[in-house]
């Protein structure tokens, strides 16, 4: 019961924070021309972090923009799938509970945008530049939102849980040797020859 309460609390609080931050940022900016225009940005840390607003018909970090209907269907179906996965686990560990809650939070946040916003696209607003190590791959980093962050962190935690904490992957402890005075224990008696 405690795990179910935590799972739902993480999911609902995360989705609420995602939708709240999107609404605050997008209310602050004027709408630009076209879905993916960057009308303005507010620099918080010069050369590193700013925020603005853009709309992404694809998936996380601006990928897969060619099939918005496909992503809409996937995000709607993902919510009952995540719920079914969580409630099918008989004895979940805390890391599994939190990771699935975060994944559900991000899925709800981005699904809401695809279903209920006028453009049927995910609202992104966080922008990082000159990220150490990552800047050599892509710079600036594609815009994203809290929902994307929740999904990425949740998937990372779920991977850690599966690799290091999953009971099925643990080796069963070797049976302890029987004491010498127990029946059948100790060395085999010597057999005298004829």
N, C-alpha and C. Protein backbone atom coordinates (compact mmCIF):
# COMPACT_ATOMS: atom_id res chain seq x y z
N UNK A 1 0.82 -1.21 0.00
CA UNK A 1 0.00 0.00 0.00
C UNK A 1 0.86 1.26 0.00
N UNK A 2 1.97 1.24 0.79
CA UNK A 2 2.85 2.40 0.82
C UNK A 2 3.50 2.64 -0.53
N UNK A 3 3.85 1.53 -1.21
CA UNK A 3 4.47 1.67 -2.53
C UNK A 3 3.49 2.26 -3.54
N UNK A 4 2.24 1.82 -3.49
CA UNK A 4 1.24 2.35 -4.42
C UNK A 4 1.01 3.84 -4.16
N UNK A 5 0.96 4.23 -2.89
CA UNK A 5 0.76 5.64 -2.55
C UNK A 5 1.93 6.48 -3.04
N UNK A 6 3.16 6.00 -2.85
CA UNK A 6 4.34 6.74 -3.30
C UNK A 6 4.37 6.82 -4.82
N UNK A 7 4.08 5.71 -5.49
CA UNK A 7 4.06 5.67 -6.95
C UNK A 7 3.10 6.72 -7.51
N UNK A 8 1.88 6.75 -6.99
CA UNK A 8 0.88 7.71 -7.47
C UNK A 8 1.24 9.14 -7.09
N UNK A 9 1.82 9.32 -5.90
CA UNK A 9 2.22 10.67 -5.47
C UNK A 9 3.32 11.23 -6.37
N UNK A 10 4.32 10.41 -6.66
CA UNK A 10 5.41 10.85 -7.55
C UNK A 10 4.86 11.18 -8.94
N UNK A 11 3.99 10.33 -9.45
CA UNK A 11 3.42 10.54 -10.78
C UNK A 11 2.59 11.82 -10.84
N UNK A 12 1.70 12.01 -9.87
CA UNK A 12 0.81 13.18 -9.90
C UNK A 12 1.56 14.47 -9.61
N UNK A 13 2.47 14.45 -8.64
CA UNK A 13 3.24 15.65 -8.34
C UNK A 13 4.15 16.03 -9.50
N UNK A 14 4.81 15.03 -10.10
CA UNK A 14 5.67 15.31 -11.25
C UNK A 14 4.90 15.88 -12.42
N UNK A 15 3.75 15.28 -12.73
CA UNK A 15 2.93 15.79 -13.84
C UNK A 15 2.44 17.20 -13.55
N UNK A 16 2.05 17.46 -12.29
CA UNK A 16 1.60 18.80 -11.91
C UNK A 16 2.71 19.83 -12.10
N UNK A 17 3.92 19.52 -11.63
CA UNK A 17 5.04 20.45 -11.77
C UNK A 17 5.39 20.70 -13.24
N UNK A 18 5.35 19.64 -14.04
CA UNK A 18 5.62 19.79 -15.46
C UNK A 18 4.61 20.72 -16.12
N UNK A 19 3.33 20.47 -15.90
CA UNK A 19 2.29 21.28 -16.53
C UNK A 19 2.29 22.71 -16.00
N UNK A 20 2.59 22.88 -14.70
CA UNK A 20 2.64 24.22 -14.13
C UNK A 20 3.77 25.04 -14.73
N UNK A 21 4.96 24.46 -14.82
CA UNK A 21 6.09 25.22 -15.38
C UNK A 21 5.87 25.54 -16.85
N UNK A 22 5.30 24.61 -17.60
CA UNK A 22 4.99 24.90 -19.00
C UNK A 22 4.03 26.07 -19.11
N UNK A 23 2.98 26.04 -18.29
CA UNK A 23 1.97 27.10 -18.37
C UNK A 23 2.55 28.46 -17.99
N UNK A 24 3.37 28.49 -16.94
CA UNK A 24 3.97 29.76 -16.52
C UNK A 24 4.87 30.34 -17.61
N UNK A 25 5.69 29.49 -18.21
CA UNK A 25 6.61 29.98 -19.24
C UNK A 25 5.85 30.40 -20.49
N UNK A 26 4.91 29.59 -20.94
CA UNK A 26 4.22 29.91 -22.19
C UNK A 26 3.27 31.08 -22.03
N UNK A 27 2.74 31.32 -20.83
CA UNK A 27 1.95 32.53 -20.59
C UNK A 27 2.83 33.77 -20.65
N UNK A 28 4.10 33.61 -20.31
CA UNK A 28 5.04 34.75 -20.26
C UNK A 28 5.45 35.21 -21.66
N UNK A 29 5.50 34.30 -22.61
CA UNK A 29 5.98 34.63 -23.95
C UNK A 29 4.84 34.87 -24.92
N UNK A 30 5.10 35.70 -25.88
CA UNK A 30 4.15 35.85 -26.98
C UNK A 30 4.33 34.68 -27.94
N UNK A 31 3.27 34.30 -28.57
CA UNK A 31 3.34 33.16 -29.50
C UNK A 31 4.11 33.58 -30.75
N UNK A 32 5.08 32.76 -31.13
CA UNK A 32 5.87 33.03 -32.33
C UNK A 32 5.17 32.52 -33.58
N UNK A 33 5.77 32.79 -34.73
CA UNK A 33 5.21 32.32 -35.99
C UNK A 33 5.59 30.87 -36.21
N UNK A 34 4.61 30.02 -36.36
CA UNK A 34 4.89 28.61 -36.61
C UNK A 34 5.09 27.84 -35.32
N UNK A 35 5.02 26.54 -35.44
CA UNK A 35 5.04 25.68 -34.26
C UNK A 35 6.39 25.65 -33.57
N UNK A 36 7.48 25.71 -34.34
CA UNK A 36 8.79 25.50 -33.75
C UNK A 36 9.66 26.76 -33.75
N UNK A 37 9.04 27.91 -33.82
CA UNK A 37 9.82 29.15 -33.77
C UNK A 37 10.23 29.45 -32.34
N UNK A 38 11.37 30.09 -32.20
CA UNK A 38 11.85 30.51 -30.88
C UNK A 38 11.69 32.02 -30.81
N UNK A 39 10.58 32.53 -30.28
CA UNK A 39 10.32 33.97 -30.37
C UNK A 39 11.27 34.81 -29.54
N UNK A 40 11.56 34.40 -28.35
CA UNK A 40 12.48 35.11 -27.47
C UNK A 40 13.04 34.10 -26.50
N UNK A 41 14.04 34.53 -25.77
CA UNK A 41 14.53 33.68 -24.69
C UNK A 41 15.01 34.56 -23.56
N UNK A 42 14.91 34.01 -22.37
CA UNK A 42 15.38 34.70 -21.17
C UNK A 42 16.64 33.97 -20.70
N UNK A 43 17.76 34.71 -20.66
CA UNK A 43 19.02 34.12 -20.25
C UNK A 43 19.11 34.16 -18.73
N UNK A 44 19.29 33.01 -18.13
CA UNK A 44 19.45 32.92 -16.68
C UNK A 44 20.92 32.80 -16.29
N UNK A 45 21.69 31.99 -17.02
CA UNK A 45 23.13 31.89 -16.84
C UNK A 45 23.75 32.06 -18.21
N UNK A 46 24.42 33.19 -18.42
CA UNK A 46 24.91 33.55 -19.75
C UNK A 46 25.80 32.46 -20.33
N UNK A 47 25.47 32.05 -21.56
CA UNK A 47 26.24 31.04 -22.26
C UNK A 47 26.01 29.62 -21.79
N UNK A 48 25.05 29.43 -20.87
CA UNK A 48 24.83 28.08 -20.35
C UNK A 48 23.35 27.71 -20.27
N UNK A 49 22.52 28.55 -19.63
CA UNK A 49 21.13 28.16 -19.39
C UNK A 49 20.19 29.32 -19.66
N UNK A 50 19.15 29.04 -20.42
CA UNK A 50 18.11 30.03 -20.69
C UNK A 50 16.79 29.30 -20.86
N UNK A 51 15.72 30.06 -20.98
CA UNK A 51 14.43 29.43 -21.27
C UNK A 51 13.65 30.28 -22.24
N UNK A 52 12.77 29.65 -22.96
CA UNK A 52 11.93 30.31 -23.94
C UNK A 52 10.72 29.44 -24.19
N UNK A 53 10.26 29.34 -25.42
CA UNK A 53 9.14 28.44 -25.68
C UNK A 53 9.18 27.96 -27.13
N UNK A 54 8.93 26.70 -27.29
CA UNK A 54 8.79 26.09 -28.61
C UNK A 54 7.86 24.90 -28.47
N UNK A 55 7.35 24.43 -29.58
CA UNK A 55 6.44 23.29 -29.55
C UNK A 55 7.03 22.16 -30.38
N UNK A 56 6.99 20.97 -29.82
CA UNK A 56 7.64 19.82 -30.42
C UNK A 56 6.59 18.75 -30.73
N UNK A 57 6.32 18.50 -32.02
CA UNK A 57 5.36 17.43 -32.35
C UNK A 57 5.95 16.04 -32.24
N UNK A 58 7.25 15.95 -31.97
CA UNK A 58 7.92 14.65 -31.87
C UNK A 58 7.97 14.15 -30.44
N UNK A 59 9.11 13.55 -30.10
CA UNK A 59 9.27 12.99 -28.77
C UNK A 59 10.39 13.71 -28.03
N UNK A 60 10.96 13.05 -27.06
CA UNK A 60 11.91 13.65 -26.14
C UNK A 60 13.08 14.32 -26.87
N UNK A 61 13.44 15.51 -26.41
CA UNK A 61 14.55 16.30 -26.95
C UNK A 61 14.38 16.61 -28.44
N UNK A 62 13.14 16.72 -28.90
CA UNK A 62 12.89 17.14 -30.28
C UNK A 62 13.05 16.07 -31.33
N UNK A 63 13.19 14.82 -30.93
CA UNK A 63 13.38 13.75 -31.90
C UNK A 63 12.04 13.29 -32.48
N UNK A 64 12.08 12.70 -33.67
CA UNK A 64 10.91 12.05 -34.27
C UNK A 64 9.76 12.99 -34.56
N UNK A 65 10.04 14.11 -35.22
CA UNK A 65 8.98 15.09 -35.46
C UNK A 65 8.09 14.75 -36.64
N UNK A 66 8.38 13.66 -37.33
CA UNK A 66 7.61 13.34 -38.53
C UNK A 66 6.29 12.64 -38.29
N UNK A 67 6.03 12.13 -37.09
CA UNK A 67 4.81 11.36 -36.88
C UNK A 67 4.07 11.72 -35.62
N UNK A 68 3.47 12.93 -35.54
CA UNK A 68 2.80 13.34 -34.30
C UNK A 68 1.64 12.44 -33.90
N UNK A 69 0.91 11.88 -34.88
CA UNK A 69 -0.22 11.01 -34.54
C UNK A 69 0.26 9.73 -33.89
N UNK A 70 1.37 9.20 -34.39
CA UNK A 70 1.94 7.98 -33.80
C UNK A 70 2.33 8.22 -32.35
N UNK A 71 2.98 9.36 -32.08
CA UNK A 71 3.42 9.66 -30.71
C UNK A 71 2.23 9.92 -29.80
N UNK A 72 1.17 10.49 -30.36
CA UNK A 72 -0.05 10.70 -29.57
C UNK A 72 -0.62 9.36 -29.12
N UNK A 73 -0.74 8.41 -30.04
CA UNK A 73 -1.29 7.09 -29.72
C UNK A 73 -0.39 6.39 -28.70
N UNK A 74 0.92 6.44 -28.93
CA UNK A 74 1.86 5.77 -28.02
C UNK A 74 1.78 6.35 -26.63
N UNK A 75 1.73 7.69 -26.51
CA UNK A 75 1.70 8.31 -25.18
C UNK A 75 0.39 8.00 -24.44
N UNK A 76 -0.72 7.92 -25.18
CA UNK A 76 -2.00 7.58 -24.54
C UNK A 76 -1.98 6.12 -24.05
N UNK A 77 -1.44 5.21 -24.88
CA UNK A 77 -1.39 3.81 -24.50
C UNK A 77 -0.34 3.52 -23.43
N UNK A 78 0.67 4.39 -23.33
CA UNK A 78 1.75 4.15 -22.36
C UNK A 78 1.26 4.28 -20.93
N UNK A 79 0.28 5.13 -20.67
CA UNK A 79 -0.18 5.35 -19.30
C UNK A 79 -0.78 4.08 -18.69
N UNK A 80 -1.76 3.44 -19.33
CA UNK A 80 -2.25 2.18 -18.73
C UNK A 80 -1.18 1.09 -18.71
N UNK A 81 -0.25 1.11 -19.67
CA UNK A 81 0.81 0.10 -19.67
C UNK A 81 1.71 0.26 -18.44
N UNK A 82 2.09 1.50 -18.12
CA UNK A 82 2.93 1.74 -16.95
C UNK A 82 2.19 1.36 -15.67
N UNK A 83 0.92 1.71 -15.59
CA UNK A 83 0.12 1.32 -14.42
C UNK A 83 0.05 -0.20 -14.28
N UNK A 84 -0.16 -0.89 -15.39
CA UNK A 84 -0.25 -2.36 -15.35
C UNK A 84 1.07 -2.97 -14.91
N UNK A 85 2.18 -2.42 -15.40
CA UNK A 85 3.50 -2.94 -15.00
C UNK A 85 3.70 -2.77 -13.50
N UNK A 86 3.41 -1.58 -12.98
CA UNK A 86 3.64 -1.35 -11.55
C UNK A 86 2.77 -2.26 -10.70
N UNK A 87 1.48 -2.32 -10.99
CA UNK A 87 0.57 -3.08 -10.14
C UNK A 87 0.69 -4.60 -10.34
N UNK A 88 1.45 -5.03 -11.34
CA UNK A 88 1.69 -6.46 -11.51
C UNK A 88 2.87 -6.95 -10.67
N UNK A 89 3.67 -6.03 -10.16
CA UNK A 89 4.82 -6.41 -9.33
C UNK A 89 4.33 -6.69 -7.92
N UNK A 90 4.59 -7.88 -7.41
CA UNK A 90 4.05 -8.27 -6.10
C UNK A 90 4.74 -7.54 -4.95
N UNK A 91 6.08 -7.48 -5.00
CA UNK A 91 6.82 -6.81 -3.93
C UNK A 91 7.82 -5.84 -4.54
N UNK A 92 7.34 -4.64 -4.92
CA UNK A 92 8.25 -3.69 -5.57
C UNK A 92 9.27 -3.11 -4.58
N UNK A 93 10.44 -2.83 -5.08
CA UNK A 93 11.44 -2.12 -4.28
C UNK A 93 11.19 -0.62 -4.44
N UNK A 94 11.76 0.16 -3.52
CA UNK A 94 11.52 1.61 -3.53
C UNK A 94 12.03 2.24 -4.82
N UNK A 95 13.19 1.77 -5.31
CA UNK A 95 13.75 2.37 -6.52
C UNK A 95 12.85 2.10 -7.73
N UNK A 96 12.23 0.93 -7.78
CA UNK A 96 11.29 0.62 -8.85
C UNK A 96 10.05 1.50 -8.74
N UNK A 97 9.55 1.67 -7.54
CA UNK A 97 8.36 2.51 -7.31
C UNK A 97 8.61 3.94 -7.78
N UNK A 98 9.74 4.51 -7.39
CA UNK A 98 10.04 5.90 -7.74
C UNK A 98 10.30 6.03 -9.24
N UNK A 99 11.06 5.10 -9.81
CA UNK A 99 11.38 5.20 -11.24
C UNK A 99 10.13 5.11 -12.10
N UNK A 100 9.24 4.16 -11.82
CA UNK A 100 8.01 4.06 -12.60
C UNK A 100 7.10 5.25 -12.36
N UNK A 101 7.10 5.80 -11.15
CA UNK A 101 6.33 7.01 -10.87
C UNK A 101 6.83 8.19 -11.69
N UNK A 102 8.16 8.32 -11.83
CA UNK A 102 8.72 9.42 -12.62
C UNK A 102 8.41 9.24 -14.10
N UNK A 103 8.52 8.02 -14.59
CA UNK A 103 8.21 7.76 -16.00
C UNK A 103 6.74 8.07 -16.27
N UNK A 104 5.86 7.68 -15.35
CA UNK A 104 4.43 7.98 -15.52
C UNK A 104 4.18 9.49 -15.47
N UNK A 105 4.88 10.20 -14.58
CA UNK A 105 4.72 11.66 -14.49
C UNK A 105 5.06 12.32 -15.82
N UNK A 106 6.21 11.95 -16.39
CA UNK A 106 6.61 12.53 -17.66
C UNK A 106 5.67 12.17 -18.79
N UNK A 107 5.19 10.94 -18.77
CA UNK A 107 4.27 10.49 -19.82
C UNK A 107 2.96 11.26 -19.75
N UNK A 108 2.45 11.46 -18.53
CA UNK A 108 1.20 12.22 -18.37
C UNK A 108 1.39 13.66 -18.85
N UNK A 109 2.50 14.29 -18.44
CA UNK A 109 2.73 15.68 -18.82
C UNK A 109 2.79 15.88 -20.32
N UNK A 110 3.55 15.05 -21.01
CA UNK A 110 3.67 15.21 -22.46
C UNK A 110 2.41 14.74 -23.19
N UNK A 111 1.73 13.72 -22.66
CA UNK A 111 0.48 13.28 -23.27
C UNK A 111 -0.58 14.38 -23.19
N UNK A 112 -0.62 15.08 -22.06
CA UNK A 112 -1.59 16.18 -21.92
C UNK A 112 -1.40 17.20 -23.04
N UNK A 113 -0.14 17.56 -23.32
CA UNK A 113 0.12 18.54 -24.37
C UNK A 113 -0.36 18.03 -25.73
N UNK A 114 -0.11 16.76 -26.02
CA UNK A 114 -0.49 16.22 -27.33
C UNK A 114 -2.00 16.13 -27.50
N UNK A 115 -2.71 15.92 -26.41
CA UNK A 115 -4.16 15.75 -26.50
C UNK A 115 -4.91 17.08 -26.35
N UNK A 116 -4.49 17.91 -25.41
CA UNK A 116 -5.34 19.04 -25.00
C UNK A 116 -4.85 20.41 -25.45
N UNK A 117 -3.62 20.56 -25.92
CA UNK A 117 -3.21 21.89 -26.37
C UNK A 117 -3.68 22.11 -27.81
N UNK A 118 -3.76 23.35 -28.18
CA UNK A 118 -4.28 23.72 -29.50
C UNK A 118 -3.43 23.14 -30.64
N UNK A 119 -2.10 23.12 -30.45
CA UNK A 119 -1.20 22.64 -31.51
C UNK A 119 -0.99 21.14 -31.47
N UNK A 120 -1.46 20.46 -30.43
CA UNK A 120 -1.26 19.01 -30.26
C UNK A 120 0.22 18.66 -30.34
N UNK A 121 1.03 19.49 -29.67
CA UNK A 121 2.48 19.29 -29.64
C UNK A 121 2.98 19.56 -28.23
N UNK A 122 4.10 18.94 -27.89
CA UNK A 122 4.67 19.08 -26.55
C UNK A 122 5.33 20.44 -26.40
N UNK A 123 5.07 21.09 -25.27
CA UNK A 123 5.67 22.40 -25.00
C UNK A 123 7.03 22.22 -24.35
N UNK A 124 8.07 22.72 -25.01
CA UNK A 124 9.44 22.66 -24.49
C UNK A 124 9.93 24.07 -24.21
N UNK A 125 10.77 24.21 -23.18
CA UNK A 125 11.22 25.56 -22.84
C UNK A 125 12.61 25.63 -22.23
N UNK A 126 13.19 24.54 -21.79
CA UNK A 126 14.51 24.57 -21.15
C UNK A 126 15.60 24.47 -22.21
N UNK A 127 16.59 25.34 -22.14
CA UNK A 127 17.64 25.38 -23.14
C UNK A 127 19.01 25.46 -22.46
N UNK A 128 19.86 24.47 -22.74
CA UNK A 128 21.22 24.47 -22.22
C UNK A 128 22.21 24.59 -23.38
N UNK A 129 23.26 25.34 -23.15
CA UNK A 129 24.36 25.46 -24.11
C UNK A 129 25.67 25.18 -23.39
N UNK A 130 26.69 24.79 -24.16
CA UNK A 130 28.03 24.57 -23.61
C UNK A 130 28.02 23.59 -22.44
N UNK A 131 27.24 22.53 -22.56
CA UNK A 131 27.22 21.51 -21.51
C UNK A 131 28.51 20.70 -21.62
N UNK A 132 29.31 20.62 -20.55
CA UNK A 132 30.56 19.87 -20.64
C UNK A 132 30.32 18.45 -21.13
N UNK A 133 31.22 17.95 -21.94
CA UNK A 133 31.19 16.63 -22.56
C UNK A 133 30.14 16.53 -23.67
N UNK A 134 28.94 17.09 -23.42
CA UNK A 134 27.88 16.98 -24.42
C UNK A 134 28.01 18.00 -25.54
N UNK A 135 28.72 19.09 -25.28
CA UNK A 135 28.79 20.16 -26.29
C UNK A 135 29.52 19.72 -27.55
N UNK A 136 30.33 18.66 -27.47
CA UNK A 136 31.02 18.17 -28.64
C UNK A 136 30.12 17.31 -29.51
N UNK A 137 29.00 16.83 -28.95
CA UNK A 137 28.04 16.05 -29.72
C UNK A 137 26.96 16.93 -30.32
N UNK A 138 26.37 17.79 -29.51
CA UNK A 138 25.32 18.68 -29.99
C UNK A 138 25.32 19.94 -29.12
N UNK A 139 25.26 21.09 -29.74
CA UNK A 139 25.24 22.34 -29.00
C UNK A 139 24.47 23.38 -29.81
N UNK A 140 23.46 24.04 -29.29
CA UNK A 140 22.94 23.85 -27.94
C UNK A 140 22.17 22.53 -27.82
N UNK A 141 22.01 22.07 -26.58
CA UNK A 141 21.25 20.86 -26.31
C UNK A 141 19.81 21.10 -26.72
N UNK A 142 19.13 20.12 -27.37
CA UNK A 142 17.74 20.33 -27.79
C UNK A 142 16.85 20.73 -26.62
N UNK A 143 15.89 21.61 -26.92
CA UNK A 143 14.99 22.07 -25.87
C UNK A 143 14.20 20.90 -25.28
N UNK A 144 13.89 21.01 -24.02
CA UNK A 144 13.13 19.96 -23.35
C UNK A 144 12.31 20.56 -22.24
N UNK A 145 11.66 19.72 -21.45
CA UNK A 145 10.81 20.19 -20.35
C UNK A 145 11.01 19.25 -19.16
N UNK A 146 10.29 19.50 -18.08
CA UNK A 146 10.44 18.65 -16.90
C UNK A 146 9.98 17.22 -17.17
N UNK A 147 8.96 17.06 -18.00
CA UNK A 147 8.48 15.71 -18.32
C UNK A 147 9.58 14.87 -18.95
N UNK A 148 10.32 15.47 -19.90
CA UNK A 148 11.44 14.76 -20.51
C UNK A 148 12.47 14.36 -19.46
N UNK A 149 12.75 15.27 -18.53
CA UNK A 149 13.72 14.99 -17.47
C UNK A 149 13.24 13.84 -16.59
N UNK A 150 11.96 13.86 -16.22
CA UNK A 150 11.42 12.79 -15.39
C UNK A 150 11.54 11.44 -16.09
N UNK A 151 11.24 11.41 -17.38
CA UNK A 151 11.32 10.15 -18.13
C UNK A 151 12.76 9.64 -18.16
N UNK A 152 13.71 10.53 -18.45
CA UNK A 152 15.12 10.11 -18.55
C UNK A 152 15.65 9.62 -17.21
N UNK A 153 15.38 10.36 -16.13
CA UNK A 153 15.84 9.95 -14.81
C UNK A 153 15.15 8.65 -14.39
N UNK A 154 13.85 8.55 -14.68
CA UNK A 154 13.12 7.33 -14.34
C UNK A 154 13.66 6.11 -15.06
N UNK A 155 13.97 6.26 -16.34
CA UNK A 155 14.52 5.14 -17.11
C UNK A 155 15.91 4.76 -16.57
N UNK A 156 16.71 5.78 -16.21
CA UNK A 156 18.04 5.50 -15.63
C UNK A 156 17.90 4.71 -14.33
N UNK A 157 17.01 5.17 -13.43
CA UNK A 157 16.81 4.47 -12.16
C UNK A 157 16.27 3.06 -12.37
N UNK A 158 15.37 2.91 -13.34
CA UNK A 158 14.82 1.58 -13.63
C UNK A 158 15.91 0.65 -14.14
N UNK A 159 16.82 1.18 -14.95
CA UNK A 159 17.94 0.38 -15.44
C UNK A 159 18.84 -0.06 -14.29
N UNK A 160 19.13 0.87 -13.38
CA UNK A 160 19.94 0.54 -12.21
C UNK A 160 19.26 -0.54 -11.38
N UNK A 161 17.94 -0.40 -11.20
CA UNK A 161 17.19 -1.38 -10.41
C UNK A 161 17.25 -2.76 -11.06
N UNK A 162 17.11 -2.81 -12.37
CA UNK A 162 17.11 -4.09 -13.06
C UNK A 162 18.50 -4.73 -13.05
N UNK A 163 19.55 -3.92 -13.14
CA UNK A 163 20.90 -4.46 -13.19
C UNK A 163 21.43 -4.90 -11.82
N UNK A 164 21.10 -4.13 -10.79
CA UNK A 164 21.75 -4.34 -9.50
C UNK A 164 20.84 -4.80 -8.37
N UNK A 165 19.54 -4.59 -8.51
CA UNK A 165 18.65 -4.89 -7.39
C UNK A 165 17.60 -5.94 -7.70
N UNK A 166 17.47 -6.34 -8.94
CA UNK A 166 16.45 -7.31 -9.31
C UNK A 166 16.79 -8.66 -8.67
N UNK A 167 15.87 -9.19 -7.87
CA UNK A 167 16.12 -10.44 -7.14
C UNK A 167 16.32 -11.61 -8.09
N UNK A 168 15.70 -11.60 -9.25
CA UNK A 168 15.85 -12.71 -10.19
C UNK A 168 17.28 -12.83 -10.71
N UNK A 169 17.98 -11.69 -10.74
CA UNK A 169 19.34 -11.71 -11.27
C UNK A 169 20.37 -12.04 -10.19
N UNK A 170 19.96 -12.04 -8.93
CA UNK A 170 20.89 -12.38 -7.86
C UNK A 170 21.13 -13.88 -7.83
N UNK A 171 22.35 -14.27 -7.54
CA UNK A 171 22.65 -15.69 -7.42
C UNK A 171 22.12 -16.20 -6.10
N UNK A 172 21.55 -17.37 -6.14
CA UNK A 172 21.07 -17.99 -4.90
C UNK A 172 22.28 -18.35 -4.05
N UNK A 173 22.22 -18.07 -2.73
CA UNK A 173 23.36 -18.39 -1.88
C UNK A 173 23.60 -19.90 -1.84
N UNK A 174 24.88 -20.26 -1.79
CA UNK A 174 25.23 -21.68 -1.74
C UNK A 174 24.76 -22.27 -0.42
N UNK A 175 24.25 -23.51 -0.43
CA UNK A 175 23.77 -24.11 0.83
C UNK A 175 24.95 -24.30 1.78
N UNK A 176 24.68 -24.02 3.05
CA UNK A 176 25.72 -24.16 4.07
C UNK A 176 26.03 -25.64 4.28
N UNK A 177 27.31 -25.99 4.49
CA UNK A 177 27.63 -27.41 4.74
C UNK A 177 27.03 -27.88 6.05
N UNK A 178 26.61 -29.13 6.08
CA UNK A 178 26.00 -29.69 7.29
C UNK A 178 27.07 -29.88 8.36
N UNK A 179 26.72 -29.62 9.63
CA UNK A 179 27.69 -29.82 10.71
C UNK A 179 28.12 -31.28 10.79
N UNK A 180 29.33 -31.50 11.35
CA UNK A 180 29.89 -32.86 11.41
C UNK A 180 29.07 -33.79 12.28
N UNK A 181 28.41 -33.24 13.34
CA UNK A 181 27.66 -34.11 14.24
C UNK A 181 26.22 -34.33 13.78
N UNK A 182 25.81 -33.67 12.67
CA UNK A 182 24.44 -33.86 12.18
C UNK A 182 24.36 -35.16 11.41
N UNK A 183 23.14 -35.74 11.34
CA UNK A 183 22.99 -36.98 10.57
C UNK A 183 23.38 -36.74 9.12
N UNK A 184 24.25 -37.54 8.63
CA UNK A 184 24.69 -37.40 7.25
C UNK A 184 25.79 -36.37 7.11
N UNK A 185 26.16 -35.69 8.18
CA UNK A 185 27.17 -34.65 8.11
C UNK A 185 28.55 -35.22 8.34
N UNK A 186 29.53 -34.41 8.10
CA UNK A 186 30.91 -34.79 8.36
C UNK A 186 31.46 -35.68 7.27
N UNK A 187 32.71 -36.09 7.40
CA UNK A 187 33.32 -36.92 6.35
C UNK A 187 32.72 -38.30 6.32
N UNK A 188 32.77 -38.91 5.15
CA UNK A 188 32.21 -40.25 4.98
C UNK A 188 33.06 -41.24 5.77
N UNK A 189 32.42 -42.20 6.45
CA UNK A 189 33.19 -43.16 7.24
C UNK A 189 34.05 -44.02 6.33
N UNK A 190 35.22 -44.37 6.85
CA UNK A 190 36.14 -45.21 6.06
C UNK A 190 35.58 -46.62 6.00
N UNK A 191 35.72 -47.27 4.85
CA UNK A 191 35.24 -48.65 4.69
C UNK A 191 36.47 -49.57 4.76
N UNK A 192 36.39 -50.50 5.67
CA UNK A 192 37.52 -51.44 5.82
C UNK A 192 37.44 -52.51 4.75
N UNK A 193 38.56 -52.83 4.21
CA UNK A 193 38.60 -53.88 3.19
C UNK A 193 38.60 -55.26 3.81
N UNK A 194 38.26 -56.27 3.07
CA UNK A 194 38.23 -57.66 3.57
C UNK A 194 39.62 -58.24 3.59
